[in-house]
Amino acid sequence: MPIKPGSWCIKCRKVHKAETCTHRKPFQRKRGSNQQSGRGGRAWQRTREFIFNRDRFLCQIHLKKGELVSVELHGGNHGVCDHIIPIAQGGGNDHNNLQTICQQCDREKTLQESLQTQKTGGYQ
């Protein structure tokens, strides 16, 4: 039976045949099992539902133009819970800084924000 060649350790740059490297750390989660990352957690979903209900499931950008464009929480016509002032510009997750918008307005707004970032070389 052939002998296993061993495994290369990128930390200490040696081949280990049977023993495990002392530099190697076992895999571990970065967060506890009850913590969520970013806006995907239960608290964000509740906030998103609240904002959609507050805005009556209507795109607020279209509403300012006098047009009624409805959105859904989920599905093909899902809307976006948008930050009016982006977090990168100092905006927060408070309800006054959130609005319901449609996917089209989200794409246009994101494009405008990225163009602004390119012109200024970053957020001011």
C-alpha atoms as a PDB file:
ATOM      1  CA  MET A   1       0.000   0.000   0.000  1.00  0.00           C
ATOM      2  CA  PRO A   2       1.409   3.435  -0.918  1.00  0.00           C
ATOM      3  CA  ILE A   3       2.424   5.833   1.802  1.00  0.00           C
ATOM      4  CA  LYS A   4       0.442   9.061   2.094  1.00  0.00           C
ATOM      5  CA  PRO A   5       2.731  11.938   1.080  1.00  0.00           C
ATOM      6  CA  GLY A   6       1.510  14.264   3.821  1.00  0.00           C
ATOM      7  CA  SER A   7      -0.020  17.686   3.672  1.00  0.00           C
ATOM      8  CA  TRP A   8       1.629  21.027   3.059  1.00  0.00           C
ATOM      9  CA  CYS A   9       1.178  23.644   5.775  1.00  0.00           C
ATOM     10  CA  ILE A  10       1.042  27.174   4.448  1.00  0.00           C
ATOM     11  CA  LYS A  11       1.726  28.607   7.916  1.00  0.00           C
ATOM     12  CA  CYS A  12       5.036  26.924   8.732  1.00  0.00           C
ATOM     13  CA  ARG A  13       5.881  25.881   5.132  1.00  0.00           C
ATOM     14  CA  LYS A  14       6.555  22.241   5.971  1.00  0.00           C
ATOM     15  CA  VAL A  15       5.073  18.906   5.003  1.00  0.00           C
ATOM     16  CA  HIS A  16       3.346  17.120   7.876  1.00  0.00           C
ATOM     17  CA  LYS A  17       2.922  13.369   7.468  1.00  0.00           C
ATOM     18  CA  ALA A  18       0.988  12.077  10.460  1.00  0.00           C
ATOM     19  CA  GLU A  19       1.021  14.913  12.950  1.00  0.00           C
ATOM     20  CA  THR A  20      -0.980  18.090  12.618  1.00  0.00           C
ATOM     21  CA  CYS A  21       0.823  21.402  12.588  1.00  0.00           C
ATOM     22  CA  THR A  22       0.834  23.375  15.813  1.00  0.00           C
ATOM     23  CA  HIS A  23       0.304  26.551  13.791  1.00  0.00           C
ATOM     24  CA  ARG A  24      -2.911  25.271  12.282  1.00  0.00           C
ATOM     25  CA  LYS A  25      -6.067  26.553  13.929  1.00  0.00           C
ATOM     26  CA  PRO A  26      -9.242  24.490  13.895  1.00  0.00           C
ATOM     27  CA  PHE A  27     -12.197  25.912  11.989  1.00  0.00           C
ATOM     28  CA  GLN A  28     -14.447  28.030  14.179  1.00  0.00           C
ATOM     29  CA  ARG A  29     -17.349  30.325  13.534  1.00  0.00           C
ATOM     30  CA  LYS A  30     -16.662  34.022  13.790  1.00  0.00           C
ATOM     31  CA  ARG A  31     -20.048  34.685  15.376  1.00  0.00           C
ATOM     32  CA  GLY A  32     -22.160  32.907  17.899  1.00  0.00           C
ATOM     33  CA  SER A  33     -24.982  30.791  16.550  1.00  0.00           C
ATOM     34  CA  ASN A  34     -27.590  33.342  17.647  1.00  0.00           C
ATOM     35  CA  GLN A  35     -25.974  36.343  15.925  1.00  0.00           C
ATOM     36  CA  GLN A  36     -26.720  37.373  12.361  1.00  0.00           C
ATOM     37  CA  SER A  37     -24.447  39.242  10.011  1.00  0.00           C
ATOM     38  CA  GLY A  38     -25.336  42.516   8.366  1.00  0.00           C
ATOM     39  CA  ARG A  39     -28.922  43.248   7.385  1.00  0.00           C
ATOM     40  CA  GLY A  40     -29.990  39.646   6.863  1.00  0.00           C
ATOM     41  CA  GLY A  41     -31.124  39.070  10.420  1.00  0.00           C
ATOM     42  CA  ARG A  42     -34.553  38.948  11.989  1.00  0.00           C
ATOM     43  CA  ALA A  43     -34.299  42.514  13.296  1.00  0.00           C
ATOM     44  CA  TRP A  44     -33.634  43.873   9.788  1.00  0.00           C
ATOM     45  CA  GLN A  45     -36.562  41.876   8.373  1.00  0.00           C
ATOM     46  CA  ARG A  46     -38.859  43.425  10.994  1.00  0.00           C
ATOM     47  CA  THR A  47     -37.546  46.906  10.188  1.00  0.00           C
ATOM     48  CA  ARG A  48     -38.011  46.265   6.466  1.00  0.00           C
ATOM     49  CA  GLU A  49     -41.625  45.115   7.001  1.00  0.00           C
ATOM     50  CA  PHE A  50     -42.309  48.199   9.140  1.00  0.00           C
ATOM     51  CA  ILE A  51     -40.924  50.563   6.462  1.00  0.00           C
ATOM     52  CA  PHE A  52     -42.903  48.838   3.676  1.00  0.00           C
ATOM     53  CA  ASN A  53     -46.121  49.096   5.719  1.00  0.00           C
ATOM     54  CA  ARG A  54     -45.405  52.719   6.640  1.00  0.00           C
ATOM     55  CA  ASP A  55     -44.857  53.582   2.970  1.00  0.00           C
ATOM     56  CA  ARG A  56     -47.961  51.550   1.960  1.00  0.00           C
ATOM     57  CA  PHE A  57     -45.873  49.314  -0.335  1.00  0.00           C
ATOM     58  CA  LEU A  58     -45.328  52.214  -2.764  1.00  0.00           C
ATOM     59  CA  CYS A  59     -42.048  53.354  -4.300  1.00  0.00           C
ATOM     60  CA  GLN A  60     -41.333  56.677  -2.608  1.00  0.00           C
ATOM     61  CA  ILE A  61     -39.234  58.067  -5.482  1.00  0.00           C
ATOM     62  CA  HIS A  62     -42.051  57.462  -7.975  1.00  0.00           C
ATOM     63  CA  LEU A  63     -44.549  58.833  -5.442  1.00  0.00           C
ATOM     64  CA  LYS A  64     -42.639  62.149  -5.343  1.00  0.00           C
ATOM     65  CA  LYS A  65     -43.070  62.301  -9.136  1.00  0.00           C
ATOM     66  CA  GLY A  66     -46.821  61.713  -8.752  1.00  0.00           C
ATOM     67  CA  GLU A  67     -46.708  58.099  -9.957  1.00  0.00           C
ATOM     68  CA  LEU A  68     -47.992  55.070  -8.049  1.00  0.00           C
ATOM     69  CA  VAL A  69     -45.670  52.071  -8.342  1.00  0.00           C
ATOM     70  CA  SER A  70     -46.434  49.263  -5.909  1.00  0.00           C
ATOM     71  CA  VAL A  71     -43.888  46.750  -4.649  1.00  0.00           C
ATOM     72  CA  GLU A  72     -43.994  43.512  -2.657  1.00  0.00           C
ATOM     73  CA  LEU A  73     -41.937  42.244   0.255  1.00  0.00           C
ATOM     74  CA  HIS A  74     -40.926  39.101  -1.655  1.00  0.00           C
ATOM     75  CA  GLY A  75     -41.216  37.761  -5.175  1.00  0.00           C
ATOM     76  CA  GLY A  76     -40.536  39.061  -8.646  1.00  0.00           C
ATOM     77  CA  ASN A  77     -41.824  42.562  -7.871  1.00  0.00           C
ATOM     78  CA  HIS A  78     -40.014  42.882  -4.534  1.00  0.00           C
ATOM     79  CA  GLY A  79     -39.038  46.315  -3.363  1.00  0.00           C
ATOM     80  CA  VAL A  80     -35.933  47.566  -1.619  1.00  0.00           C
ATOM     81  CA  CYS A  81     -35.670  49.099   1.836  1.00  0.00           C
ATOM     82  CA  ASP A  82     -33.314  51.905   0.841  1.00  0.00           C
ATOM     83  CA  HIS A  83     -31.108  54.199   2.905  1.00  0.00           C
ATOM     84  CA  ILE A  84     -31.886  57.776   1.864  1.00  0.00           C
ATOM     85  CA  ILE A  85     -28.442  58.868   3.032  1.00  0.00           C
ATOM     86  CA  PRO A  86     -26.081  55.925   2.436  1.00  0.00           C
ATOM     87  CA  ILE A  87     -24.336  54.429   5.439  1.00  0.00           C
ATOM     88  CA  ALA A  88     -20.995  55.249   3.771  1.00  0.00           C
ATOM     89  CA  GLN A  89     -21.979  58.930   3.851  1.00  0.00           C
ATOM     90  CA  GLY A  90     -22.921  58.832   7.517  1.00  0.00           C
ATOM     91  CA  GLY A  91     -26.546  57.698   7.256  1.00  0.00           C
ATOM     92  CA  GLY A  92     -27.944  55.239   9.744  1.00  0.00           C
ATOM     93  CA  ASN A  93     -30.580  52.553  10.071  1.00  0.00           C
ATOM     94  CA  ASP A  94     -33.097  54.792  11.847  1.00  0.00           C
ATOM     95  CA  HIS A  95     -36.600  54.849  10.361  1.00  0.00           C
ATOM     96  CA  ASN A  96     -36.254  58.457   9.176  1.00  0.00           C
ATOM     97  CA  ASN A  97     -33.394  57.418   6.886  1.00  0.00           C
ATOM     98  CA  LEU A  98     -35.196  54.434   5.306  1.00  0.00           C
ATOM     99  CA  GLN A  99     -37.651  54.380   2.413  1.00  0.00           C
ATOM    100  CA  THR A 100     -39.352  51.827   0.171  1.00  0.00           C
ATOM    101  CA  ILE A 101     -38.276  51.980  -3.467  1.00  0.00           C
ATOM    102  CA  CYS A 102     -38.724  49.763  -6.531  1.00  0.00           C
ATOM    103  CA  GLN A 103     -35.908  47.772  -8.131  1.00  0.00           C
ATOM    104  CA  GLN A 104     -35.579  50.215 -11.029  1.00  0.00           C
ATOM    105  CA  CYS A 105     -35.167  53.216  -8.731  1.00  0.00           C
ATOM    106  CA  ASP A 106     -32.685  51.235  -6.632  1.00  0.00           C
ATOM    107  CA  ARG A 107     -30.515  50.554  -9.703  1.00  0.00           C
ATOM    108  CA  GLU A 108     -30.661  54.218 -10.790  1.00  0.00           C
ATOM    109  CA  LYS A 109     -29.923  55.527  -7.301  1.00  0.00           C
ATOM    110  CA  THR A 110     -27.012  53.120  -6.857  1.00  0.00           C
ATOM    111  CA  LEU A 111     -25.591  54.174 -10.232  1.00  0.00           C
ATOM    112  CA  GLN A 112     -25.853  57.871  -9.306  1.00  0.00           C
ATOM    113  CA  GLU A 113     -24.157  57.237  -5.953  1.00  0.00           C
ATOM    114  CA  SER A 114     -21.301  55.325  -7.590  1.00  0.00           C
ATOM    115  CA  LEU A 115     -20.835  58.081 -10.188  1.00  0.00           C
ATOM    116  CA  GLN A 116     -20.739  60.653  -7.396  1.00  0.00           C
ATOM    117  CA  THR A 117     -18.113  58.577  -5.592  1.00  0.00           C
ATOM    118  CA  GLN A 118     -15.980  58.364  -8.740  1.00  0.00           C
ATOM    119  CA  LYS A 119     -16.181  62.132  -9.333  1.00  0.00           C
ATOM    120  CA  THR A 120     -15.276  63.096  -5.786  1.00  0.00           C
ATOM    121  CA  GLY A 121     -12.826  60.285  -5.177  1.00  0.00           C
ATOM    122  CA  GLY A 122     -14.847  59.019  -2.233  1.00  0.00           C
ATOM    123  CA  TYR A 123     -17.636  60.114   0.027  1.00  0.00           C
ATOM    124  CA  GLN A 124     -17.317  63.513   1.611  1.00  0.00           C
END
